Structure formats: structure tokens, C-alpha cells
Amino acid sequence: DRLWNLAKDFIPSYADYERLAAGRTIPVLVFSECA
């Protein structure tokens, strides 16, 4: 939830996507370097 809210702060259209998802869980992936 924390990362999703952060994403919505940077990309406001994510709030529209959340509304259109109609209560479904939206996975958020975080990638980082391995080496």
C-alpha cells in the first residue's frame, strides 16, 4: 500500500487505474540491481 500510494503521487493517472480496477489487488513490483 505504501508503494502504491507513492506511485500515485508520481503518476496521477494511477489513481484512475485504481478506480477502474474495481477493488482488485494491483501488484507492485520493485526491481533493484543484483550486482
PDB file of N, CA and C in Angstrom:
ATOM      1  N   ASP A   1       0.823  -1.198   0.000  1.00  0.00           N
ATOM      2  CA  ASP A   1       0.000   0.000   0.000  1.00  0.00           C
ATOM      3  C   ASP A   1       0.865   1.259   0.000  1.00  0.00           C
ATOM      4  N   ARG A   2       1.944   1.230   0.759  1.00  0.00           N
ATOM      5  CA  ARG A   2       2.823   2.399   0.832  1.00  0.00           C
ATOM      6  C   ARG A   2       3.406   2.719  -0.541  1.00  0.00           C
ATOM      7  N   LEU A   3       3.878   1.688  -1.245  1.00  0.00           N
ATOM      8  CA  LEU A   3       4.486   1.922  -2.553  1.00  0.00           C
ATOM      9  C   LEU A   3       3.459   2.335  -3.595  1.00  0.00           C
ATOM     10  N   TRP A   4       2.264   1.779  -3.491  1.00  0.00           N
ATOM     11  CA  TRP A   4       1.212   2.155  -4.441  1.00  0.00           C
ATOM     12  C   TRP A   4       0.862   3.629  -4.270  1.00  0.00           C
ATOM     13  N   ASN A   5       0.735   4.078  -3.029  1.00  0.00           N
ATOM     14  CA  ASN A   5       0.437   5.490  -2.782  1.00  0.00           C
ATOM     15  C   ASN A   5       1.566   6.378  -3.283  1.00  0.00           C
ATOM     16  N   LEU A   6       2.795   5.933  -3.131  1.00  0.00           N
ATOM     17  CA  LEU A   6       3.931   6.685  -3.647  1.00  0.00           C
ATOM     18  C   LEU A   6       3.873   6.765  -5.172  1.00  0.00           C
ATOM     19  N   ALA A   7       3.539   5.654  -5.813  1.00  0.00           N
ATOM     20  CA  ALA A   7       3.419   5.645  -7.276  1.00  0.00           C
ATOM     21  C   ALA A   7       2.331   6.609  -7.737  1.00  0.00           C
ATOM     22  N   LYS A   8       1.211   6.653  -7.020  1.00  0.00           N
ATOM     23  CA  LYS A   8       0.126   7.573  -7.396  1.00  0.00           C
ATOM     24  C   LYS A   8       0.546   9.026  -7.237  1.00  0.00           C
ATOM     25  N   ASP A   9       1.451   9.305  -6.296  1.00  0.00           N
ATOM     26  CA  ASP A   9       1.961  10.668  -6.144  1.00  0.00           C
ATOM     27  C   ASP A   9       2.774  11.083  -7.367  1.00  0.00           C
ATOM     28  N   PHE A  10       3.529  10.156  -7.938  1.00  0.00           N
ATOM     29  CA  PHE A  10       4.381  10.463  -9.086  1.00  0.00           C
ATOM     30  C   PHE A  10       3.640  10.375 -10.412  1.00  0.00           C
ATOM     31  N   ILE A  11       2.655   9.480 -10.499  1.00  0.00           N
ATOM     32  CA  ILE A  11       1.910   9.282 -11.745  1.00  0.00           C
ATOM     33  C   ILE A  11       0.418   9.343 -11.423  1.00  0.00           C
ATOM     34  N   PRO A  12      -0.176  10.537 -11.478  1.00  0.00           N
ATOM     35  CA  PRO A  12      -1.573  10.711 -11.069  1.00  0.00           C
ATOM     36  C   PRO A  12      -2.571   9.806 -11.791  1.00  0.00           C
ATOM     37  N   SER A  13      -2.278   9.390 -13.007  1.00  0.00           N
ATOM     38  CA  SER A  13      -3.222   8.528 -13.728  1.00  0.00           C
ATOM     39  C   SER A  13      -3.349   7.152 -13.079  1.00  0.00           C
ATOM     40  N   TYR A  14      -2.430   6.787 -12.184  1.00  0.00           N
ATOM     41  CA  TYR A  14      -2.553   5.519 -11.457  1.00  0.00           C
ATOM     42  C   TYR A  14      -3.797   5.518 -10.580  1.00  0.00           C
ATOM     43  N   ALA A  15      -4.216   6.679 -10.110  1.00  0.00           N
ATOM     44  CA  ALA A  15      -5.451   6.759  -9.321  1.00  0.00           C
ATOM     45  C   ALA A  15      -6.645   6.371 -10.188  1.00  0.00           C
ATOM     46  N   ASP A  16      -6.630   6.769 -11.460  1.00  0.00           N
ATOM     47  CA  ASP A  16      -7.690   6.360 -12.389  1.00  0.00           C
ATOM     48  C   ASP A  16      -7.652   4.851 -12.598  1.00  0.00           C
ATOM     49  N   TYR A  17      -6.453   4.312 -12.760  1.00  0.00           N
ATOM     50  CA  TYR A  17      -6.297   2.868 -12.940  1.00  0.00           C
ATOM     51  C   TYR A  17      -6.830   2.118 -11.719  1.00  0.00           C
ATOM     52  N   GLU A  18      -6.548   2.637 -10.538  1.00  0.00           N
ATOM     53  CA  GLU A  18      -7.034   2.020  -9.303  1.00  0.00           C
ATOM     54  C   GLU A  18      -8.565   2.011  -9.275  1.00  0.00           C
ATOM     55  N   ARG A  19      -9.165   3.107  -9.683  1.00  0.00           N
ATOM     56  CA  ARG A  19     -10.626   3.195  -9.715  1.00  0.00           C
ATOM     57  C   ARG A  19     -11.201   2.199 -10.715  1.00  0.00           C
ATOM     58  N   LEU A  20     -10.574   2.088 -11.874  1.00  0.00           N
ATOM     59  CA  LEU A  20     -11.049   1.167 -12.905  1.00  0.00           C
ATOM     60  C   LEU A  20     -10.836  -0.299 -12.521  1.00  0.00           C
ATOM     61  N   ALA A  21      -9.899  -0.565 -11.636  1.00  0.00           N
ATOM     62  CA  ALA A  21      -9.628  -1.942 -11.210  1.00  0.00           C
ATOM     63  C   ALA A  21     -10.734  -2.475 -10.306  1.00  0.00           C
ATOM     64  N   ALA A  22     -11.604  -1.618  -9.842  1.00  0.00           N
ATOM     65  CA  ALA A  22     -12.804  -2.001  -9.087  1.00  0.00           C
ATOM     66  C   ALA A  22     -12.525  -2.941  -7.914  1.00  0.00           C
ATOM     67  N   GLY A  23     -11.562  -2.557  -7.066  1.00  0.00           N
ATOM     68  CA  GLY A  23     -11.317  -3.329  -5.853  1.00  0.00           C
ATOM     69  C   GLY A  23     -10.369  -4.502  -5.995  1.00  0.00           C
ATOM     70  N   ARG A  24      -9.925  -4.790  -7.227  1.00  0.00           N
ATOM     71  CA  ARG A  24      -8.955  -5.879  -7.407  1.00  0.00           C
ATOM     72  C   ARG A  24      -7.607  -5.469  -6.833  1.00  0.00           C
ATOM     73  N   THR A  25      -6.822  -6.427  -6.400  1.00  0.00           N
ATOM     74  CA  THR A  25      -5.474  -6.147  -5.916  1.00  0.00           C
ATOM     75  C   THR A  25      -4.563  -5.885  -7.105  1.00  0.00           C
ATOM     76  N   ILE A  26      -3.807  -4.801  -7.038  1.00  0.00           N
ATOM     77  CA  ILE A  26      -2.890  -4.436  -8.106  1.00  0.00           C
ATOM     78  C   ILE A  26      -1.474  -4.666  -7.589  1.00  0.00           C
ATOM     79  N   PRO A  27      -0.762  -5.653  -8.134  1.00  0.00           N
ATOM     80  CA  PRO A  27       0.589  -5.919  -7.645  1.00  0.00           C
ATOM     81  C   PRO A  27       1.553  -4.807  -8.055  1.00  0.00           C
ATOM     82  N   VAL A  28       2.468  -4.502  -7.169  1.00  0.00           N
ATOM     83  CA  VAL A  28       3.514  -3.521  -7.445  1.00  0.00           C
ATOM     84  C   VAL A  28       4.841  -4.249  -7.347  1.00  0.00           C
ATOM     85  N   LEU A  29       5.652  -4.154  -8.388  1.00  0.00           N
ATOM     86  CA  LEU A  29       6.952  -4.812  -8.410  1.00  0.00           C
ATOM     87  C   LEU A  29       8.046  -3.785  -8.183  1.00  0.00           C
ATOM     88  N   VAL A  30       9.036  -4.170  -7.411  1.00  0.00           N
ATOM     89  CA  VAL A  30      10.186  -3.308  -7.160  1.00  0.00           C
ATOM     90  C   VAL A  30      11.419  -4.044  -7.653  1.00  0.00           C
ATOM     91  N   PHE A  31      12.163  -3.423  -8.540  1.00  0.00           N
ATOM     92  CA  PHE A  31      13.370  -4.027  -9.089  1.00  0.00           C
ATOM     93  C   PHE A  31      14.591  -3.316  -8.529  1.00  0.00           C
ATOM     94  N   SER A  32      15.625  -4.085  -8.263  1.00  0.00           N
ATOM     95  CA  SER A  32      16.887  -3.498  -7.812  1.00  0.00           C
ATOM     96  C   SER A  32      18.036  -4.278  -8.439  1.00  0.00           C
ATOM     97  N   GLU A  33      19.203  -3.650  -8.480  1.00  0.00           N
ATOM     98  CA  GLU A  33      20.375  -4.305  -9.054  1.00  0.00           C
ATOM     99  C   GLU A  33      20.820  -5.465  -8.193  1.00  0.00           C
ATOM    100  N   CYS A  34      21.285  -6.515  -8.850  1.00  0.00           N
ATOM    101  CA  CYS A  34      21.807  -7.679  -8.126  1.00  0.00           C
ATOM    102  C   CYS A  34      23.299  -7.548  -7.873  1.00  0.00           C
ATOM    103  N   ALA A  35      23.985  -6.837  -8.736  1.00  0.00           N
ATOM    104  CA  ALA A  35      25.440  -6.724  -8.585  1.00  0.00           C
ATOM    105  C   ALA A  35      25.877  -5.291  -8.647  1.00  0.00           C
TER     106      ALA A  35
END
